[in-house]
PDB file of N, CA and C in Angstrom:
ATOM      1  N   UNK A   1      21.455  54.376 116.103  1.00  0.00           N
ATOM      2  CA  UNK A   1      22.483  55.504 115.731  1.00  0.00           C
ATOM      3  C   UNK A   1      21.652  57.031 115.788  1.00  0.00           C
ATOM      4  N   UNK A   2      22.212  57.998 116.454  1.00  0.00           N
ATOM      5  CA  UNK A   2      21.907  59.184 116.532  1.00  0.00           C
ATOM      6  C   UNK A   2      22.535  59.963 115.407  1.00  0.00           C
ATOM      7  N   UNK A   3      21.632  60.901 114.676  1.00  0.00           N
ATOM      8  CA  UNK A   3      22.275  61.688 113.621  1.00  0.00           C
ATOM      9  C   UNK A   3      21.683  63.017 113.771  1.00  0.00           C
ATOM     10  N   UNK A   4      22.226  63.936 113.195  1.00  0.00           N
ATOM     11  CA  UNK A   4      21.887  65.495 113.127  1.00  0.00           C
ATOM     12  C   UNK A   4      22.335  65.789 111.709  1.00  0.00           C
ATOM     13  N   UNK A   5      21.218  65.817 110.749  1.00  0.00           N
ATOM     14  CA  UNK A   5      21.371  66.404 109.485  1.00  0.00           C
ATOM     15  C   UNK A   5      21.159  67.866 109.381  1.00  0.00           C
ATOM     16  N   UNK A   6      22.215  68.676 108.733  1.00  0.00           N
ATOM     17  CA  UNK A   6      22.133  69.988 108.772  1.00  0.00           C
ATOM     18  C   UNK A   6      22.882  70.555 107.615  1.00  0.00           C
ATOM     19  N   UNK A   7      22.732  71.805 107.524  1.00  0.00           N
ATOM     20  CA  UNK A   7      23.391  72.555 106.441  1.00  0.00           C
ATOM     21  C   UNK A   7      24.630  73.458 106.940  1.00  0.00           C
ATOM     22  N   UNK A   8      25.924  73.334 106.710  1.00  0.00           N
ATOM     23  CA  UNK A   8      26.914  74.077 107.316  1.00  0.00           C
ATOM     24  C   UNK A   8      26.818  75.650 107.076  1.00  0.00           C
ATOM     25  N   UNK A   9      26.199  75.964 105.966  1.00  0.00           N
ATOM     26  CA  UNK A   9      26.068  77.244 105.466  1.00  0.00           C
ATOM     27  C   UNK A   9      24.943  77.998 105.866  1.00  0.00           C
ATOM     28  N   UNK A  10      23.964  77.172 106.660  1.00  0.00           N
ATOM     29  CA  UNK A  10      22.880  77.823 107.201  1.00  0.00           C
ATOM     30  C   UNK A  10      22.890  78.404 108.618  1.00  0.00           C
ATOM     31  N   UNK A  11      22.760  79.750 108.671  1.00  0.00           N
ATOM     32  CA  UNK A  11      22.739  80.388 110.135  1.00  0.00           C
ATOM     33  C   UNK A  11      21.806  79.756 110.963  1.00  0.00           C
ATOM     34  N   UNK A  12      20.723  79.289 110.533  1.00  0.00           N
ATOM     35  CA  UNK A  12      19.604  78.866 111.440  1.00  0.00           C
ATOM     36  C   UNK A  12      20.125  77.596 112.073  1.00  0.00           C
ATOM     37  N   UNK A  13      20.623  76.654 111.111  1.00  0.00           N
ATOM     38  CA  UNK A  13      21.182  75.449 111.547  1.00  0.00           C
ATOM     39  C   UNK A  13      22.355  75.648 112.807  1.00  0.00           C
ATOM     40  N   UNK A  14      23.180  76.632 112.511  1.00  0.00           N
ATOM     41  CA  UNK A  14      24.280  76.858 113.479  1.00  0.00           C
ATOM     42  C   UNK A  14      23.915  77.128 114.842  1.00  0.00           C
ATOM     43  N   UNK A  15      22.843  78.076 114.695  1.00  0.00           N
ATOM     44  CA  UNK A  15      22.141  78.469 115.831  1.00  0.00           C
ATOM     45  C   UNK A  15      21.534  77.406 116.735  1.00  0.00           C
ATOM     46  N   UNK A  16      20.798  76.444 115.867  1.00  0.00           N
ATOM     47  CA  UNK A  16      19.964  75.521 116.657  1.00  0.00           C
ATOM     48  C   UNK A  16      21.055  74.437 117.117  1.00  0.00           C
ATOM     49  N   UNK A  17      22.294  74.250 116.534  1.00  0.00           N
ATOM     50  CA  UNK A  17      23.377  73.325 117.056  1.00  0.00           C
ATOM     51  C   UNK A  17      23.800  74.018 118.408  1.00  0.00           C
ATOM     52  N   UNK A  18      24.028  75.090 118.496  1.00  0.00           N
ATOM     53  CA  UNK A  18      24.436  75.903 119.678  1.00  0.00           C
ATOM     54  C   UNK A  18      23.548  75.670 120.861  1.00  0.00           C
ATOM     55  N   UNK A  19      22.063  75.881 120.451  1.00  0.00           N
ATOM     56  CA  UNK A  19      21.145  75.955 121.420  1.00  0.00           C
ATOM     57  C   UNK A  19      21.082  74.595 121.925  1.00  0.00           C
ATOM     58  N   UNK A  20      21.122  73.556 121.110  1.00  0.00           N
ATOM     59  CA  UNK A  20      20.878  72.203 121.460  1.00  0.00           C
ATOM     60  C   UNK A  20      21.913  71.435 122.304  1.00  0.00           C
ATOM     61  N   UNK A  21      23.197  72.143 122.176  1.00  0.00           N
ATOM     62  CA  UNK A  21      24.387  71.636 122.713  1.00  0.00           C
ATOM     63  C   UNK A  21      24.459  70.152 122.594  1.00  0.00           C
ATOM     64  N   UNK A  22      24.363  69.704 121.391  1.00  0.00           N
ATOM     65  CA  UNK A  22      24.409  68.182 120.964  1.00  0.00           C
ATOM     66  C   UNK A  22      25.554  67.338 121.571  1.00  0.00           C
ATOM     67  N   UNK A  23      25.327  66.362 122.264  1.00  0.00           N
ATOM     68  CA  UNK A  23      26.406  65.344 122.655  1.00  0.00           C
ATOM     69  C   UNK A  23      27.280  64.731 121.569  1.00  0.00           C
ATOM     70  N   UNK A  24      28.568  64.519 121.967  1.00  0.00           N
ATOM     71  CA  UNK A  24      29.403  63.877 121.014  1.00  0.00           C
ATOM     72  C   UNK A  24      28.981  62.501 120.182  1.00  0.00           C
ATOM     73  N   UNK A  25      28.220  61.966 120.926  1.00  0.00           N
ATOM     74  CA  UNK A  25      27.424  60.753 120.503  1.00  0.00           C
ATOM     75  C   UNK A  25      26.564  60.846 119.398  1.00  0.00           C
ATOM     76  N   UNK A  26      26.211  61.882 118.939  1.00  0.00           N
ATOM     77  CA  UNK A  26      25.429  62.295 117.685  1.00  0.00           C
ATOM     78  C   UNK A  26      26.299  62.576 116.618  1.00  0.00           C
ATOM     79  N   UNK A  27      25.953  61.630 115.402  1.00  0.00           N
ATOM     80  CA  UNK A  27      26.851  61.925 114.289  1.00  0.00           C
ATOM     81  C   UNK A  27      26.215  63.137 113.579  1.00  0.00           C
ATOM     82  N   UNK A  28      27.125  64.075 113.310  1.00  0.00           N
ATOM     83  CA  UNK A  28      26.878  65.381 112.575  1.00  0.00           C
ATOM     84  C   UNK A  28      27.122  65.223 111.079  1.00  0.00           C
ATOM     85  N   UNK A  29      26.094  65.398 110.236  1.00  0.00           N
ATOM     86  CA  UNK A  29      25.971  65.074 108.790  1.00  0.00           C
ATOM     87  C   UNK A  29      25.592  66.542 108.050  1.00  0.00           C
ATOM     88  N   UNK A  30      26.579  66.951 107.386  1.00  0.00           N
ATOM     89  CA  UNK A  30      26.509  68.194 106.800  1.00  0.00           C
ATOM     90  C   UNK A  30      26.023  67.710 105.370  1.00  0.00           C
ATOM     91  N   UNK A  31      24.743  67.935 104.997  1.00  0.00           N
ATOM     92  CA  UNK A  31      24.274  67.440 103.902  1.00  0.00           C
ATOM     93  C   UNK A  31      24.707  67.975 102.433  1.00  0.00           C
ATOM     94  N   UNK A  32      25.473  69.280 102.542  1.00  0.00           N
ATOM     95  CA  UNK A  32      26.020  69.802 101.547  1.00  0.00           C
ATOM     96  C   UNK A  32      27.271  68.878 101.035  1.00  0.00           C
ATOM     97  N   UNK A  33      28.094  68.365 102.068  1.00  0.00           N
ATOM     98  CA  UNK A  33      29.218  67.760 101.778  1.00  0.00           C
ATOM     99  C   UNK A  33      29.022  66.261 101.662  1.00  0.00           C
ATOM    100  N   UNK A  34      27.842  65.883 102.419  1.00  0.00           N
ATOM    101  CA  UNK A  34      27.708  64.442 102.296  1.00  0.00           C
ATOM    102  C   UNK A  34      26.053  64.026 102.331  1.00  0.00           C
ATOM    103  N   UNK A  35      25.714  64.345 100.918  1.00  0.00           N
ATOM    104  CA  UNK A  35      24.379  64.228 100.726  1.00  0.00           C
ATOM    105  C   UNK A  35      23.639  62.950 101.305  1.00  0.00           C
ATOM    106  N   UNK A  36      22.487  63.002 101.616  1.00  0.00           N
ATOM    107  CA  UNK A  36      21.752  61.764 101.997  1.00  0.00           C
ATOM    108  C   UNK A  36      21.731  60.761 100.761  1.00  0.00           C
ATOM    109  N   UNK A  37      21.898  59.472 101.222  1.00  0.00           N
ATOM    110  CA  UNK A  37      21.821  58.421 100.341  1.00  0.00           C
ATOM    111  C   UNK A  37      20.185  57.795 100.213  1.00  0.00           C
ATOM    112  N   UNK A  38      19.812  57.169  99.294  1.00  0.00           N
ATOM    113  CA  UNK A  38      18.537  56.657  99.202  1.00  0.00           C
ATOM    114  C   UNK A  38      18.283  55.757 100.484  1.00  0.00           C
ATOM    115  N   UNK A  39      19.214  55.073 100.972  1.00  0.00           N
ATOM    116  CA  UNK A  39      19.025  54.583 102.122  1.00  0.00           C
ATOM    117  C   UNK A  39      18.676  55.487 103.462  1.00  0.00           C
ATOM    118  N   UNK A  40      19.354  56.518 103.486  1.00  0.00           N
ATOM    119  CA  UNK A  40      19.094  57.562 104.501  1.00  0.00           C
ATOM    120  C   UNK A  40      17.623  58.086 104.457  1.00  0.00           C
ATOM    121  N   UNK A  41      17.286  58.519 103.189  1.00  0.00           N
ATOM    122  CA  UNK A  41      15.997  58.944 102.889  1.00  0.00           C
ATOM    123  C   UNK A  41      14.929  58.080 103.236  1.00  0.00           C
ATOM    124  N   UNK A  42      15.133  56.790 102.976  1.00  0.00           N
ATOM    125  CA  UNK A  42      14.280  55.504 103.270  1.00  0.00           C
ATOM    126  C   UNK A  42      13.987  55.462 104.754  1.00  0.00           C
ATOM    127  N   UNK A  43      15.245  55.599 105.571  1.00  0.00           N
ATOM    128  CA  UNK A  43      15.230  55.448 107.100  1.00  0.00           C
ATOM    129  C   UNK A  43      14.210  56.531 107.623  1.00  0.00           C
ATOM    130  N   UNK A  44      14.569  57.852 107.102  1.00  0.00           N
ATOM    131  CA  UNK A  44      13.571  59.013 107.564  1.00  0.00           C
ATOM    132  C   UNK A  44      12.173  58.629 107.251  1.00  0.00           C
ATOM    133  N   UNK A  45      11.902  58.221 106.160  1.00  0.00           N
ATOM    134  CA  UNK A  45      10.451  58.032 105.551  1.00  0.00           C
ATOM    135  C   UNK A  45       9.871  57.025 106.432  1.00  0.00           C
ATOM    136  N   UNK A  46      10.484  55.998 106.885  1.00  0.00           N
ATOM    137  CA  UNK A  46      10.076  54.923 107.627  1.00  0.00           C
ATOM    138  C   UNK A  46       9.484  55.315 109.034  1.00  0.00           C
ATOM    139  N   UNK A  47      10.190  56.557 109.414  1.00  0.00           N
ATOM    140  CA  UNK A  47       9.875  56.908 110.692  1.00  0.00           C
ATOM    141  C   UNK A  47       8.822  58.089 110.627  1.00  0.00           C
ATOM    142  N   UNK A  48       8.549  58.802 109.508  1.00  0.00           N
ATOM    143  CA  UNK A  48       7.544  59.651 109.313  1.00  0.00           C
ATOM    144  C   UNK A  48       6.283  59.316 108.517  1.00  0.00           C
ATOM    145  N   UNK A  49       6.692  58.366 107.727  1.00  0.00           N
ATOM    146  CA  UNK A  49       5.446  57.954 106.824  1.00  0.00           C
ATOM    147  C   UNK A  49       5.154  58.746 105.413  1.00  0.00           C
ATOM    148  N   UNK A  50       6.024  59.701 105.447  1.00  0.00           N
ATOM    149  CA  UNK A  50       5.707  60.792 104.477  1.00  0.00           C
ATOM    150  C   UNK A  50       6.913  61.460 104.002  1.00  0.00           C
ATOM    151  N   UNK A  51       7.033  61.379 102.722  1.00  0.00           N
ATOM    152  CA  UNK A  51       8.342  62.112 101.920  1.00  0.00           C
ATOM    153  C   UNK A  51       8.020  63.759 102.215  1.00  0.00           C
ATOM    154  N   UNK A  52       6.804  63.894 102.075  1.00  0.00           N
ATOM    155  CA  UNK A  52       6.398  65.374 102.139  1.00  0.00           C
ATOM    156  C   UNK A  52       6.887  66.025 103.342  1.00  0.00           C
ATOM    157  N   UNK A  53       6.677  65.458 104.638  1.00  0.00           N
ATOM    158  CA  UNK A  53       7.117  65.735 105.847  1.00  0.00           C
ATOM    159  C   UNK A  53       8.639  66.184 105.818  1.00  0.00           C
ATOM    160  N   UNK A  54       9.448  65.689 105.080  1.00  0.00           N
ATOM    161  CA  UNK A  54      10.787  65.873 104.860  1.00  0.00           C
ATOM    162  C   UNK A  54      11.235  66.903 103.953  1.00  0.00           C
ATOM    163  N   UNK A  55      10.106  67.577 103.074  1.00  0.00           N
ATOM    164  CA  UNK A  55      10.512  68.491 102.187  1.00  0.00           C
ATOM    165  C   UNK A  55      10.584  69.930 102.731  1.00  0.00           C
ATOM    166  N   UNK A  56      11.470  70.782 102.214  1.00  0.00           N
ATOM    167  CA  UNK A  56      11.493  72.119 102.678  1.00  0.00           C
ATOM    168  C   UNK A  56      10.983  72.783 101.513  1.00  0.00           C
ATOM    169  N   UNK A  57       9.688  73.179 101.780  1.00  0.00           N
ATOM    170  CA  UNK A  57       8.914  73.772 100.739  1.00  0.00           C
ATOM    171  C   UNK A  57       9.254  75.335 100.321  1.00  0.00           C
ATOM    172  N   UNK A  58      10.195  75.779 101.185  1.00  0.00           N
ATOM    173  CA  UNK A  58      10.613  77.289 100.861  1.00  0.00           C
ATOM    174  C   UNK A  58      12.053  77.275 100.219  1.00  0.00           C
ATOM    175  N   UNK A  59      12.404  75.999  99.854  1.00  0.00           N
ATOM    176  CA  UNK A  59      13.722  75.861  99.079  1.00  0.00           C
ATOM    177  C   UNK A  59      13.616  76.750  97.817  1.00  0.00           C
ATOM    178  N   UNK A  60      14.701  77.473  97.599  1.00  0.00           N
ATOM    179  CA  UNK A  60      14.698  78.483  96.380  1.00  0.00           C
ATOM    180  C   UNK A  60      14.479  77.530  95.021  1.00  0.00           C
ATOM    181  N   UNK A  61      14.740  76.312  95.048  1.00  0.00           N
ATOM    182  CA  UNK A  61      14.687  75.623  93.883  1.00  0.00           C
ATOM    183  C   UNK A  61      13.245  75.394  93.361  1.00  0.00           C
ATOM    184  N   UNK A  62      12.328  75.415  94.346  1.00  0.00           N
ATOM    185  CA  UNK A  62      10.921  75.364  94.198  1.00  0.00           C
ATOM    186  C   UNK A  62      10.419  76.657  93.323  1.00  0.00           C
ATOM    187  N   UNK A  63      10.903  77.765  93.677  1.00  0.00           N
ATOM    188  CA  UNK A  63      10.694  78.948  93.071  1.00  0.00           C
ATOM    189  C   UNK A  63      11.262  79.108  91.646  1.00  0.00           C
ATOM    190  N   UNK A  64      12.832  78.802  91.767  1.00  0.00           N
ATOM    191  CA  UNK A  64      13.531  78.829  90.423  1.00  0.00           C
ATOM    192  C   UNK A  64      12.941  77.823  89.391  1.00  0.00           C
ATOM    193  N   UNK A  65      12.152  76.713  89.673  1.00  0.00           N
ATOM    194  CA  UNK A  65      11.652  75.796  88.784  1.00  0.00           C
ATOM    195  C   UNK A  65      10.232  75.850  88.648  1.00  0.00           C
ATOM    196  N   UNK A  66       9.732  76.737  89.356  1.00  0.00           N
ATOM    197  CA  UNK A  66       8.089  77.139  89.237  1.00  0.00           C
ATOM    198  C   UNK A  66       7.417  75.958  89.801  1.00  0.00           C
ATOM    199  N   UNK A  67       7.802  74.881  90.603  1.00  0.00           N
ATOM    200  CA  UNK A  67       7.322  73.904  91.136  1.00  0.00           C
ATOM    201  C   UNK A  67       6.246  74.319  92.240  1.00  0.00           C
ATOM    202  N   UNK A  68       5.132  73.805  92.074  1.00  0.00           N
ATOM    203  CA  UNK A  68       3.968  74.083  93.014  1.00  0.00           C
ATOM    204  C   UNK A  68       3.957  72.691  93.835  1.00  0.00           C
ATOM    205  N   UNK A  69       4.282  72.929  95.209  1.00  0.00           N
ATOM    206  CA  UNK A  69       4.230  71.717  96.178  1.00  0.00           C
ATOM    207  C   UNK A  69       2.940  71.149  96.198  1.00  0.00           C
ATOM    208  N   UNK A  70       1.911  72.088  96.114  1.00  0.00           N
ATOM    209  CA  UNK A  70       0.658  71.661  96.391  1.00  0.00           C
ATOM    210  C   UNK A  70       0.043  70.628  95.071  1.00  0.00           C
ATOM    211  N   UNK A  71       0.735  70.597  94.118  1.00  0.00           N
ATOM    212  CA  UNK A  71       0.469  69.839  92.970  1.00  0.00           C
ATOM    213  C   UNK A  71       1.274  68.506  92.929  1.00  0.00           C
ATOM    214  N   UNK A  72       2.147  68.208  93.980  1.00  0.00           N
ATOM    215  CA  UNK A  72       2.958  67.103  93.999  1.00  0.00           C
ATOM    216  C   UNK A  72       2.263  66.051  94.700  1.00  0.00           C
ATOM    217  N   UNK A  73       2.629  64.685  94.373  1.00  0.00           N
ATOM    218  CA  UNK A  73       2.396  63.552  95.042  1.00  0.00           C
ATOM    219  C   UNK A  73       3.459  63.123  95.856  1.00  0.00           C
ATOM    220  N   UNK A  74       3.320  62.174  96.732  1.00  0.00           N
ATOM    221  CA  UNK A  74       4.487  61.544  97.405  1.00  0.00           C
ATOM    222  C   UNK A  74       5.621  61.021  96.611  1.00  0.00           C
ATOM    223  N   UNK A  75       5.354  60.541  95.546  1.00  0.00           N
ATOM    224  CA  UNK A  75       6.453  59.986  94.675  1.00  0.00           C
ATOM    225  C   UNK A  75       7.480  61.121  94.014  1.00  0.00           C
ATOM    226  N   UNK A  76       6.659  62.198  93.977  1.00  0.00           N
ATOM    227  CA  UNK A  76       7.362  63.524  93.402  1.00  0.00           C
ATOM    228  C   UNK A  76       8.204  63.965  94.414  1.00  0.00           C
ATOM    229  N   UNK A  77       7.740  64.064  95.757  1.00  0.00           N
ATOM    230  CA  UNK A  77       8.580  64.415  96.836  1.00  0.00           C
ATOM    231  C   UNK A  77       9.809  63.682  97.020  1.00  0.00           C
ATOM    232  N   UNK A  78       9.563  62.171  96.919  1.00  0.00           N
ATOM    233  CA  UNK A  78      10.671  61.391  97.089  1.00  0.00           C
ATOM    234  C   UNK A  78      11.774  61.740  96.125  1.00  0.00           C
ATOM    235  N   UNK A  79      11.368  61.958  94.915  1.00  0.00           N
ATOM    236  CA  UNK A  79      12.338  61.992  93.780  1.00  0.00           C
ATOM    237  C   UNK A  79      13.025  63.496  93.936  1.00  0.00           C
ATOM    238  N   UNK A  80      12.411  64.406  94.457  1.00  0.00           N
ATOM    239  CA  UNK A  80      13.149  65.677  94.837  1.00  0.00           C
ATOM    240  C   UNK A  80      14.052  65.448  95.885  1.00  0.00           C
ATOM    241  N   UNK A  81      13.809  64.602  96.756  1.00  0.00           N
ATOM    242  CA  UNK A  81      14.792  64.397  97.918  1.00  0.00           C
ATOM    243  C   UNK A  81      16.038  63.558  97.502  1.00  0.00           C
ATOM    244  N   UNK A  82      15.734  62.613  96.529  1.00  0.00           N
ATOM    245  CA  UNK A  82      16.904  61.982  95.910  1.00  0.00           C
ATOM    246  C   UNK A  82      17.680  62.966  94.860  1.00  0.00           C
ATOM    247  N   UNK A  83      17.114  63.970  94.342  1.00  0.00           N
ATOM    248  CA  UNK A  83      17.713  64.746  93.467  1.00  0.00           C
ATOM    249  C   UNK A  83      18.786  65.978  93.839  1.00  0.00           C
ATOM    250  N   UNK A  84      18.322  66.409  95.112  1.00  0.00           N
ATOM    251  CA  UNK A  84      19.137  67.457  95.560  1.00  0.00           C
ATOM    252  C   UNK A  84      18.826  67.886  97.161  1.00  0.00           C
ATOM    253  N   UNK A  85      20.229  68.134  97.868  1.00  0.00           N
ATOM    254  CA  UNK A  85      19.954  68.324  99.249  1.00  0.00           C
ATOM    255  C   UNK A  85      19.016  69.385  99.704  1.00  0.00           C
ATOM    256  N   UNK A  86      19.099  70.444  98.590  1.00  0.00           N
ATOM    257  CA  UNK A  86      18.300  71.650  99.032  1.00  0.00           C
ATOM    258  C   UNK A  86      16.980  71.179  99.384  1.00  0.00           C
ATOM    259  N   UNK A  87      16.266  70.185  98.928  1.00  0.00           N
ATOM    260  CA  UNK A  87      14.878  70.022  99.048  1.00  0.00           C
ATOM    261  C   UNK A  87      14.580  69.474 100.468  1.00  0.00           C
ATOM    262  N   UNK A  88      15.710  69.054 101.267  1.00  0.00           N
ATOM    263  CA  UNK A  88      15.309  68.504 102.612  1.00  0.00           C
ATOM    264  C   UNK A  88      15.069  69.528 103.598  1.00  0.00           C
ATOM    265  N   UNK A  89      14.070  69.244 104.499  1.00  0.00           N
ATOM    266  CA  UNK A  89      13.681  70.348 105.509  1.00  0.00           C
ATOM    267  C   UNK A  89      14.805  70.172 106.522  1.00  0.00           C
ATOM    268  N   UNK A  90      15.343  71.153 107.188  1.00  0.00           N
ATOM    269  CA  UNK A  90      16.355  71.062 107.998  1.00  0.00           C
ATOM    270  C   UNK A  90      16.376  72.027 109.234  1.00  0.00           C
ATOM    271  N   UNK A  91      17.014  71.720 110.399  1.00  0.00           N
ATOM    272  CA  UNK A  91      17.812  70.361 110.578  1.00  0.00           C
ATOM    273  C   UNK A  91      16.931  69.113 110.728  1.00  0.00           C
ATOM    274  N   UNK A  92      17.505  68.033 110.721  1.00  0.00           N
ATOM    275  CA  UNK A  92      16.928  67.065 111.278  1.00  0.00           C
ATOM    276  C   UNK A  92      17.503  66.175 112.273  1.00  0.00           C
ATOM    277  N   UNK A  93      16.990  65.933 113.420  1.00  0.00           N
ATOM    278  CA  UNK A  93      17.710  65.315 114.607  1.00  0.00           C
ATOM    279  C   UNK A  93      16.844  64.084 114.740  1.00  0.00           C
ATOM    280  N   UNK A  94      17.760  62.772 114.695  1.00  0.00           N
ATOM    281  CA  UNK A  94      17.130  61.462 114.831  1.00  0.00           C
ATOM    282  C   UNK A  94      17.920  60.942 116.097  1.00  0.00           C
ATOM    283  N   UNK A  95      16.945  60.623 117.015  1.00  0.00           N
ATOM    284  CA  UNK A  95      17.367  60.043 118.291  1.00  0.00           C
ATOM    285  C   UNK A  95      16.423  58.970 118.668  1.00  0.00           C
ATOM    286  N   UNK A  96      17.166  57.875 118.542  1.00  0.00           N
ATOM    287  CA  UNK A  96      16.557  56.517 119.126  1.00  0.00           C
ATOM    288  C   UNK A  96      14.966  56.469 118.483  1.00  0.00           C
ATOM    289  N   UNK A  97      15.103  56.379 117.140  1.00  0.00           N
ATOM    290  CA  UNK A  97      13.866  56.313 116.286  1.00  0.00           C
ATOM    291  C   UNK A  97      12.845  57.559 116.467  1.00  0.00           C
ATOM    292  N   UNK A  98      13.300  58.576 117.006  1.00  0.00           N
ATOM    293  CA  UNK A  98      12.453  59.829 117.331  1.00  0.00           C
ATOM    294  C   UNK A  98      13.005  60.835 116.518  1.00  0.00           C
ATOM    295  N   UNK A  99      12.226  61.466 115.654  1.00  0.00           N
ATOM    296  CA  UNK A  99      12.715  62.543 114.698  1.00  0.00           C
ATOM    297  C   UNK A  99      12.179  64.031 115.096  1.00  0.00           C
ATOM    298  N   UNK A 100      13.048  64.828 114.985  1.00  0.00           N
ATOM    299  CA  UNK A 100      12.551  66.258 114.929  1.00  0.00           C
ATOM    300  C   UNK A 100      12.930  66.841 113.769  1.00  0.00           C
ATOM    301  N   UNK A 101      11.999  67.362 112.991  1.00  0.00           N
ATOM    302  CA  UNK A 101      12.189  68.109 111.716  1.00  0.00           C
ATOM    303  C   UNK A 101      11.977  69.577 111.628  1.00  0.00           C
ATOM    304  N   UNK A 102      12.916  70.142 111.085  1.00  0.00           N
ATOM    305  CA  UNK A 102      12.796  71.498 110.883  1.00  0.00           C
ATOM    306  C   UNK A 102      13.186  72.465 112.027  1.00  0.00           C
ATOM    307  N   UNK A 103      12.936  73.816 111.868  1.00  0.00           N
ATOM    308  CA  UNK A 103      13.415  74.735 112.769  1.00  0.00           C
ATOM    309  C   UNK A 103      12.417  75.529 113.478  1.00  0.00           C
ATOM    310  N   UNK A 104      11.060  75.104 113.593  1.00  0.00           N
ATOM    311  CA  UNK A 104      10.322  75.973 114.383  1.00  0.00           C
ATOM    312  C   UNK A 104      10.630  75.819 115.877  1.00  0.00           C
ATOM    313  N   UNK A 105      10.307  76.873 116.488  1.00  0.00           N
ATOM    314  CA  UNK A 105      10.494  77.255 117.949  1.00  0.00           C
ATOM    315  C   UNK A 105      10.145  75.850 118.782  1.00  0.00           C
ATOM    316  N   UNK A 106       8.948  75.446 118.241  1.00  0.00           N
ATOM    317  CA  UNK A 106       8.268  74.231 119.093  1.00  0.00           C
ATOM    318  C   UNK A 106       9.231  73.019 118.876  1.00  0.00           C
ATOM    319  N   UNK A 107       9.560  72.738 117.647  1.00  0.00           N
ATOM    320  CA  UNK A 107      10.421  71.631 117.275  1.00  0.00           C
ATOM    321  C   UNK A 107      11.867  71.657 117.979  1.00  0.00           C
ATOM    322  N   UNK A 108      12.420  72.798 118.143  1.00  0.00           N
ATOM    323  CA  UNK A 108      13.422  73.053 118.895  1.00  0.00           C
ATOM    324  C   UNK A 108      13.461  72.737 120.190  1.00  0.00           C
ATOM    325  N   UNK A 109      12.503  73.263 120.973  1.00  0.00           N
ATOM    326  CA  UNK A 109      12.184  72.961 122.303  1.00  0.00           C
ATOM    327  C   UNK A 109      11.919  71.508 122.691  1.00  0.00           C
ATOM    328  N   UNK A 110      11.108  70.814 121.720  1.00  0.00           N
ATOM    329  CA  UNK A 110      10.943  69.505 122.039  1.00  0.00           C
ATOM    330  C   UNK A 110      12.021  68.649 121.921  1.00  0.00           C
ATOM    331  N   UNK A 111      13.094  69.025 120.918  1.00  0.00           N
ATOM    332  CA  UNK A 111      14.260  68.219 120.784  1.00  0.00           C
ATOM    333  C   UNK A 111      15.130  68.526 122.019  1.00  0.00           C
ATOM    334  N   UNK A 112      15.098  69.767 122.310  1.00  0.00           N
ATOM    335  CA  UNK A 112      16.022  70.027 123.563  1.00  0.00           C
ATOM    336  C   UNK A 112      15.330  69.350 124.755  1.00  0.00           C
ATOM    337  N   UNK A 113      14.158  69.291 124.992  1.00  0.00           N
ATOM    338  CA  UNK A 113      13.628  68.573 126.287  1.00  0.00           C
ATOM    339  C   UNK A 113      13.820  67.116 126.141  1.00  0.00           C
ATOM    340  N   UNK A 114      13.827  66.548 125.007  1.00  0.00           N
ATOM    341  CA  UNK A 114      14.182  65.181 124.805  1.00  0.00           C
ATOM    342  C   UNK A 114      15.685  64.848 124.921  1.00  0.00           C
ATOM    343  N   UNK A 115      16.406  65.642 124.597  1.00  0.00           N
ATOM    344  CA  UNK A 115      17.761  65.546 124.772  1.00  0.00           C
ATOM    345  C   UNK A 115      18.157  65.573 126.534  1.00  0.00           C
ATOM    346  N   UNK A 116      17.550  66.629 127.021  1.00  0.00           N
ATOM    347  CA  UNK A 116      17.738  66.784 128.426  1.00  0.00           C
ATOM    348  C   UNK A 116      17.281  65.431 129.268  1.00  0.00           C
ATOM    349  N   UNK A 117      16.213  64.601 128.672  1.00  0.00           N
ATOM    350  CA  UNK A 117      16.013  63.406 129.471  1.00  0.00           C
ATOM    351  C   UNK A 117      16.682  62.149 129.027  1.00  0.00           C
ATOM    352  N   UNK A 118      17.770  62.421 128.241  1.00  0.00           N
ATOM    353  CA  UNK A 118      18.615  61.208 127.819  1.00  0.00           C
ATOM    354  C   UNK A 118      19.736  61.010 128.767  1.00  0.00           C
TER     355      UNK A 118
END
């Protein structure tokens, strides 16, 4: 199953959705209204091998709580992902066991290229 995890209030996510022109076969998941389950997080982890790779280190909650990402271990990152959707790096596009994580220009270009080959 193909999925696109995003935040509907995020202007960057909205821009990327338009840029990618996602097909109807992709399930759109607004993480604010439908937070990731532990199974969702485990599925993403199984493809990355790292909870840290799924973490948005620029999340406001890091600053508000005084959390230093450099001092965290994998288990800590996992617990943050379980705790609140804000800690998830976004958007995340899952296509046929291939993940595109984040909003860098290169990530978006790679996702777009992959979608065009489908």
